[in-house]
Protein backbone atom coordinates (compact mmCIF):
# COMPACT_ATOMS: atom_id res chain seq x y z
CA MET A 1 202.96 225.78 126.02
CA ASP A 2 205.24 227.76 123.72
CA LYS A 3 207.99 226.78 121.32
CA ARG A 4 208.91 230.09 119.66
CA PRO A 5 212.13 231.75 120.79
CA GLN A 6 210.99 235.30 119.99
CA ARG A 7 208.29 234.98 122.63
CA TYR A 8 210.64 234.23 125.50
CA ARG A 9 214.01 235.90 124.92
CA HIS A 10 214.89 237.57 128.23
CA ASP A 11 218.51 238.06 129.27
CA LYS A 12 219.29 236.24 132.50
CA GLU A 13 215.71 235.29 133.17
CA LYS A 14 215.60 232.13 135.27
CA GLY A 15 214.53 228.82 133.80
CA VAL A 16 214.14 225.27 135.04
CA ILE A 17 215.17 222.42 132.76
CA LEU A 18 214.54 218.70 132.96
CA LEU A 19 218.02 217.38 132.19
CA SER A 20 218.36 213.66 131.52
CA GLY A 21 221.76 213.63 129.82
CA GLY A 22 220.41 212.50 126.46
CA ILE A 23 220.57 214.26 123.10
CA ASP A 24 217.18 215.97 123.45
CA SER A 25 217.59 217.46 126.91
CA ALA A 26 221.18 218.52 126.17
CA THR A 27 220.07 220.33 123.01
CA THR A 28 217.22 221.96 124.92
CA PHE A 29 219.69 223.04 127.62
CA TYR A 30 221.98 224.73 125.07
CA PHE A 31 218.96 226.27 123.33
CA ALA A 32 217.81 227.93 126.57
CA LYS A 33 221.38 228.96 127.33
CA LYS A 34 221.61 230.66 123.92
CA TYR A 35 218.61 232.81 124.80
CA GLY A 36 220.22 234.01 127.98
CA TYR A 37 218.49 231.91 130.60
CA ARG A 38 220.04 231.22 133.98
CA LEU A 39 219.19 227.54 134.26
CA PHE A 40 218.34 225.36 137.22
CA ALA A 41 218.55 221.70 136.23
CA LEU A 42 216.48 218.84 137.60
CA ILE A 43 218.12 215.42 137.20
CA PHE A 44 216.05 212.40 138.16
CA ASP A 45 217.35 209.19 139.67
CA TYR A 46 214.23 207.05 139.57
CA GLN A 47 215.94 203.67 139.94
CA GLN A 48 216.16 203.34 136.19
CA ARG A 49 218.09 200.52 134.59
CA HIS A 50 221.40 202.41 134.56
CA LYS A 51 222.96 205.65 135.79
CA LYS A 52 224.97 206.67 132.72
CA GLU A 53 222.52 209.37 131.66
CA ILE A 54 222.61 210.82 135.17
CA GLU A 55 226.40 211.17 135.00
CA CYS A 56 226.11 212.82 131.57
CA ALA A 57 223.48 215.25 132.87
CA LYS A 58 225.67 216.18 135.83
CA ARG A 59 228.61 216.75 133.51
CA ILE A 60 226.64 219.01 131.17
CA ALA A 61 225.36 221.06 134.11
CA TYR A 62 228.85 221.29 135.60
CA MET A 63 230.42 222.32 132.27
CA ASN A 64 227.92 225.16 132.05
CA LYS A 65 228.13 226.16 135.73
CA ALA A 66 224.42 225.47 136.17
CA LEU A 67 222.96 224.66 139.56
CA TYR A 68 221.39 221.21 139.55
CA HIS A 69 219.28 219.12 141.90
CA ILE A 70 219.20 215.32 141.81
CA VAL A 71 215.75 214.06 142.73
CA ARG A 72 215.68 210.47 143.96
CA THR A 73 212.43 208.58 143.61
CA ASP A 74 211.20 205.33 142.13
CA PHE A 75 208.28 203.74 140.31
CA PRO A 76 208.09 200.22 141.79
CA TRP A 77 204.58 199.69 140.42
CA THR A 78 205.30 200.46 136.77
CA LYS A 79 205.53 197.77 134.11
CA SER A 80 208.44 199.32 132.24
CA SER A 81 211.66 197.81 130.95
CA LEU A 82 213.45 200.93 132.22
CA THR A 83 212.48 200.28 135.84
CA GLN A 84 211.89 196.51 136.07
CA ARG A 85 214.91 194.26 135.61
CA ASP A 86 212.75 191.26 134.74
CA ILE A 87 211.30 193.06 131.70
CA LYS A 88 213.75 193.02 128.81
CA VAL A 89 214.49 196.17 126.81
CA PRO A 90 212.97 195.67 123.33
CA LEU A 91 215.69 195.20 120.70
CA ASN A 92 215.46 195.54 116.90
CA ARG A 93 211.82 196.64 117.18
CA ASP A 94 209.95 198.07 114.20
CA LEU A 95 210.58 201.79 114.67
CA HIS A 96 207.57 202.76 112.59
CA LYS A 97 205.03 201.07 114.86
CA LYS A 98 202.66 203.58 116.47
CA GLU A 99 202.30 201.91 119.83
CA ILE A 100 203.30 202.62 123.41
CA PRO A 101 206.60 200.73 123.91
CA LEU A 102 207.73 198.75 126.95
CA THR A 103 210.09 201.62 127.81
CA TYR A 104 207.10 203.80 128.76
CA VAL A 105 207.10 204.69 132.49
CA ALA A 106 203.54 205.46 133.58
CA GLY A 107 203.06 209.11 134.50
CA ARG A 108 206.78 209.92 134.51
CA ASN A 109 206.51 213.39 132.98
CA ILE A 110 203.52 214.22 135.18
CA ILE A 111 205.71 213.61 138.22
CA PHE A 112 208.86 215.21 136.78
CA LEU A 113 207.00 218.35 135.74
CA SER A 114 205.38 218.61 139.16
CA TYR A 115 208.85 218.86 140.66
CA ALA A 116 209.78 221.38 137.98
CA PHE A 117 206.81 223.63 138.80
CA SER A 118 207.69 223.47 142.50
CA LEU A 119 211.30 224.46 141.80
CA ALA A 120 210.27 227.17 139.32
CA GLU A 121 207.89 228.81 141.76
CA SER A 122 210.51 228.60 144.54
CA VAL A 123 213.30 230.29 142.53
CA ALA A 124 210.98 232.72 140.69
CA ALA A 125 211.53 231.11 137.29
CA LYS A 126 208.84 231.67 134.69
CA LYS A 127 209.90 229.00 132.18
CA ILE A 128 210.28 225.22 132.36
CA PHE A 129 212.18 223.61 129.48
CA ILE A 130 211.66 220.00 128.41
CA GLY A 131 213.11 218.21 125.39
CA ALA A 132 210.07 216.24 124.19
CA HIS A 133 209.64 215.95 120.42
CA THR A 134 207.70 214.36 117.60
CA LEU A 135 209.26 210.88 117.91
CA ASP A 136 208.49 210.88 121.62
CA TYR A 137 204.87 211.82 121.40
CA SER A 138 204.16 209.22 118.70
CA GLY A 139 204.66 206.59 121.42
CA TYR A 140 204.54 208.33 124.79
CA PRO A 141 201.24 209.96 125.86
CA ASP A 142 202.99 212.26 128.34
CA CYS A 143 205.09 213.84 125.57
CA ARG A 144 202.22 215.11 123.44
CA PRO A 145 201.50 218.81 122.85
CA ASP A 146 197.98 218.64 124.30
CA PHE A 147 199.36 217.09 127.49
CA PHE A 148 201.81 219.97 128.02
CA GLN A 149 199.10 222.58 127.38
CA LEU A 150 196.66 220.99 129.82
CA PHE A 151 199.30 220.27 132.46
CA GLN A 152 200.54 223.85 132.34
CA SER A 153 197.01 225.14 133.02
CA ALA A 154 196.40 222.64 135.82
CA ALA A 155 199.74 223.29 137.53
CA ASN A 156 199.34 227.06 137.46
CA ALA A 157 195.90 226.72 139.02
CA GLY A 158 197.58 225.20 142.06
CA LEU A 159 200.40 227.74 142.49
CA LYS A 160 200.67 230.84 144.65
CA TYR A 161 202.68 232.64 141.94
CA LYS A 162 201.18 231.83 138.57
CA GLY A 163 202.28 232.39 134.98
CA ILE A 164 204.88 229.63 134.62
CA GLU A 165 205.16 228.29 131.05
CA ILE A 166 206.29 224.94 129.74
CA ILE A 167 208.67 225.48 126.81
CA VAL A 168 209.04 222.59 124.34
CA PRO A 169 211.41 223.91 121.65
CA LEU A 170 211.91 220.53 119.93
CA ILE A 171 208.29 219.45 119.81
CA ASN A 172 207.97 219.45 116.00
CA LYS A 173 211.48 218.20 115.24
CA ASN A 174 212.74 214.72 114.44
CA LYS A 175 216.03 213.32 115.74
CA LYS A 176 218.03 214.44 112.70
CA GLU A 177 216.77 218.01 113.07
CA ILE A 178 217.50 217.96 116.80
CA ILE A 179 221.10 216.83 116.29
CA LYS A 180 221.57 219.44 113.55
CA MET A 181 220.24 222.09 115.91
CA GLY A 182 222.50 220.81 118.69
CA LEU A 183 225.57 220.98 116.46
CA ASP A 184 224.76 224.60 115.63
CA LEU A 185 224.43 225.32 119.36
CA GLY A 186 227.70 223.58 120.25
CA VAL A 187 226.23 220.66 122.18
CA PRO A 188 229.00 218.21 123.20
CA PHE A 189 227.25 215.06 122.01
CA GLU A 190 230.20 212.94 123.12
CA TYR A 191 229.01 213.62 126.68
CA THR A 192 225.43 212.52 126.08
CA TRP A 193 223.99 209.03 126.43
CA SER A 194 220.94 207.50 124.74
CA CYS A 195 221.17 203.70 125.05
CA TYR A 196 218.50 202.06 127.22
CA GLN A 197 220.87 199.22 128.11
CA GLY A 198 223.53 201.32 129.81
CA GLY A 199 226.51 199.13 128.97
CA ARG A 200 230.06 200.29 128.46
CA PHE A 201 229.15 201.24 124.91
CA PRO A 202 225.80 201.77 123.13
CA CYS A 203 224.08 198.46 122.30
CA GLN A 204 223.03 199.77 118.85
CA LYS A 205 219.88 197.62 119.00
CA CYS A 206 217.41 199.39 121.30
CA ASP A 207 215.01 202.00 119.91
CA SER A 208 216.95 204.93 121.33
CA CYS A 209 220.27 203.76 119.88
CA ARG A 210 218.78 203.14 116.48
CA PHE A 211 217.03 206.51 116.24
CA ARG A 212 220.29 208.17 117.27
CA MET A 213 222.45 206.23 114.80
CA GLN A 214 219.99 206.79 111.97
CA ALA A 215 219.99 210.55 112.59
CA PHE A 216 223.78 210.80 112.57
CA ARG A 217 223.89 208.71 109.38
CA GLU A 218 221.36 211.00 107.70
CA LEU A 219 223.64 213.92 108.58
CA ARG A 220 226.58 211.97 107.11
CA MET A 221 228.27 211.97 110.46
CA TYR A 222 229.57 209.31 112.83
CA ASP A 223 228.11 209.23 116.32
CA PRO A 224 230.92 210.33 118.68
CA LEU A 225 229.96 207.57 121.13
CA LEU A 226 230.55 204.95 118.43
CA LYS A 227 233.82 206.64 117.56
CA LYS A 228 234.89 206.09 121.16
CA ARG A 229 233.95 202.44 120.83
CA GLU A 230 235.98 201.98 117.65
CA TYR A 231 238.95 203.76 119.25
CA LYS A 232 238.82 201.48 122.29
CA LYS A 233 238.59 198.40 120.06
CA SER A 234 241.61 199.38 117.99
CA SER A 235 243.84 200.86 120.71
CA PRO A 236 247.21 199.12 121.22
CA GLN A 237 246.52 198.63 124.91
CA GLU A 238 243.29 196.75 124.20
CA THR A 239 245.05 194.59 121.56
CA LYS A 240 247.91 193.78 123.91
CA SER A 241 245.49 192.83 126.65
CA LYS A 242 243.65 190.44 124.32
CA ASP A 243 246.89 188.86 123.13
CA ALA A 244 248.00 188.33 126.71
CA GLY A 245 244.75 186.51 127.47
């Protein structure tokens, strides 16, 4: 596992990226793009609670003329609020608790990275980019630095063409630092999605929404997704529609 850009700057070298459509993967995408990588994106439809992130991921790939593959799978056995409709998404949870949350999907990154190594070997890419970071690995065991190091070794042992690296450029950053980095890279955050609920607008109560809102506040900025919500609320058409009802 590597996170230092000077170690992997190669113009037009191929890279595979796990692209979810959230802030972290979008920032990682633009980071790899900055260093000249020709990116192949993997977007996963694993029967999660909503598809909004998938649409955002497709849009980011399309905007950057990156080839993407949508992998359809599911995790019917997992006890996760992201995959089981009868398990509610935790709202207004204590964000400082060091515990594995109900949004954890057992073995998800193990499976996603297995696909990534298969694609990387097939297209002769030597780097796999993933947007895991410090807030992730405090609660998710498959986002921790030691996991990436061990998985990289195990995966390469099973490949015909070895030497593929997992690149985790955000691993030591918090959400505020990631958004700041993304702004510097030109990430269109208005086309990203973080909310676990997947409604028309962010719920502002799930863990992901709250980490995102807190980070934008710390940067003295307004989340562009919430700006859209305020615009919709105050637009004349919306007002007229309410009055007519």
